[in-house]
Amino acid sequence: MNSHLFALLLGCGLATPSFALTYAEALALAEQSSPALRAQQAALAGAVSAQGAAAALPDPRLSVGVENLPISGADRFSLSRDFMTMQRIALMQEVPNRAKRDARSQGAQARAERERALLALGVLQLRQALDRSWLSAQFALRRQAALAEIALENQRLQDTLPGRIAAGTAQAADLLMARQEALALADRRDDLSREALKARAALRRLVGLRADEPLIGEASAVVPEPDQIRTQLNRLADVAVYPAMLGMAQAELKEAQAESRGDWSWEVAYSRRGAQWGDMVSFQVSFDLPWQKDRRQLPAINAKQREAERIEAEREDLLRRRAQEVDEQLAELGALDRQLDRLQGAGLMLAKERVDLAMAGYQSGKAELAGVLAVRRELLEARLRAIDLEAQRADLRARLNHLVAE
């Protein structure tokens, strides 16, 4: 069966495919096979795994050595004859101050929250991309079906014209005009086929080879009320990443502030001497002395404060841009609704009546075929424009339906 005729019959509900891809299946395939989601899931798992180690103490340090080994005289290179020579083994532990460890723990937690928010944003972006490519593929079929109707009418006209020319009720030029229309329709069919293939290619990137199957189901949902959308601006998926980023910056600021308190460490050492001398144990505690705060700690603290301010300003800027975009999209959606109502209500009906009147005039010999072809071309353009308006509206709804992550 001709692919365009099949698309027409499928769109009219007269053909039922033996296999098809539903929207729910496509969504599951897209989420399961997305490399971007797998990468983000790995990033989240890594950030969660790192949380436990963030506040842990550094690994202890073990040192082994010899102290006071003679290198000259009668006892040179002897480990036991000189009372000052000791074989030493020591264990040392660095202890960052409590505020620093708490800040590192908070930073790791904020980093995990950021990765979690980025994962939610990635899922939302994937679903939006699937919806838009799904809609593009479906509306491409509808455009092809609308063109196929006109192509069938043209073919029927070409089939009847030779007999009418022989009977003297039509002119030979009419057949030429019908054939010229067929050529123009063929060019238009190639354009629509190219767009349909591009839409399938975009869908194939998301769901794989099953994108070539017939598509069953709707992708778009009911758009929330404008006031509801505006009240959810703070919960937009890309805006929701910023609180976690700000939490990371604040944790880094606290860690920089904790540097001014200094860290400390302890060390225990066991020293073994010759049999005639007693073994020894040593213990010591050391402290950092942050005495150059103006040159070391304070500049770092100031830099972290500026970083937190930058993130907050970026969040505010993004929130304003998203508010503007939502207002623009809602205004465009309202205009599309009104235009589509007019076109589907009176526009298409008037265009169809003009075709019927022109065809009746041509069949009665009171009008020329050129007039029939002209108004039929206008009807085709009106139908395609109606499909384009529906496609634009569905695309806008898909974008508005995927603003807030679940």
Foldseek 3Di string as FASTA:
>chain_A
DDPLVVLLCVVVVNDDDPDFDEPVNLLVLLCVPPPVLVVLVVQLVVLVVCLVVQLDFDDKDKDWDKPPAACDDPRHRPQADDQRIWTKIKIKTWFQDPLLSVLSNLLSVLSSVLSVLVSLVVSLVSLLLLQLLLLQLSLLSVLSSLLVVVLVVLVVVLVCVVVCVVVVLAPPVLNVVSVVVNVVSVVVNVVSVVSNVVSLVSSCVRRNPSSPGHYDDHSFDDFDDLVVLLVCLCQFSVLSSLVSVLSNLVSQLSNLVSVQVWIKMKMKMWIDYHPVHDTDIDIDMGTDDPPPCVVPRVVSNVVSVVVSVVSVVVSVVVSVVVVVVSVVLVVLLVVLVVVLCCLVPPVLVVLVVQLVVQVVCSSVVNHHVVSNVVSVVVNSVSSSVSSVSVSSNRSSSSVSVSGGGD
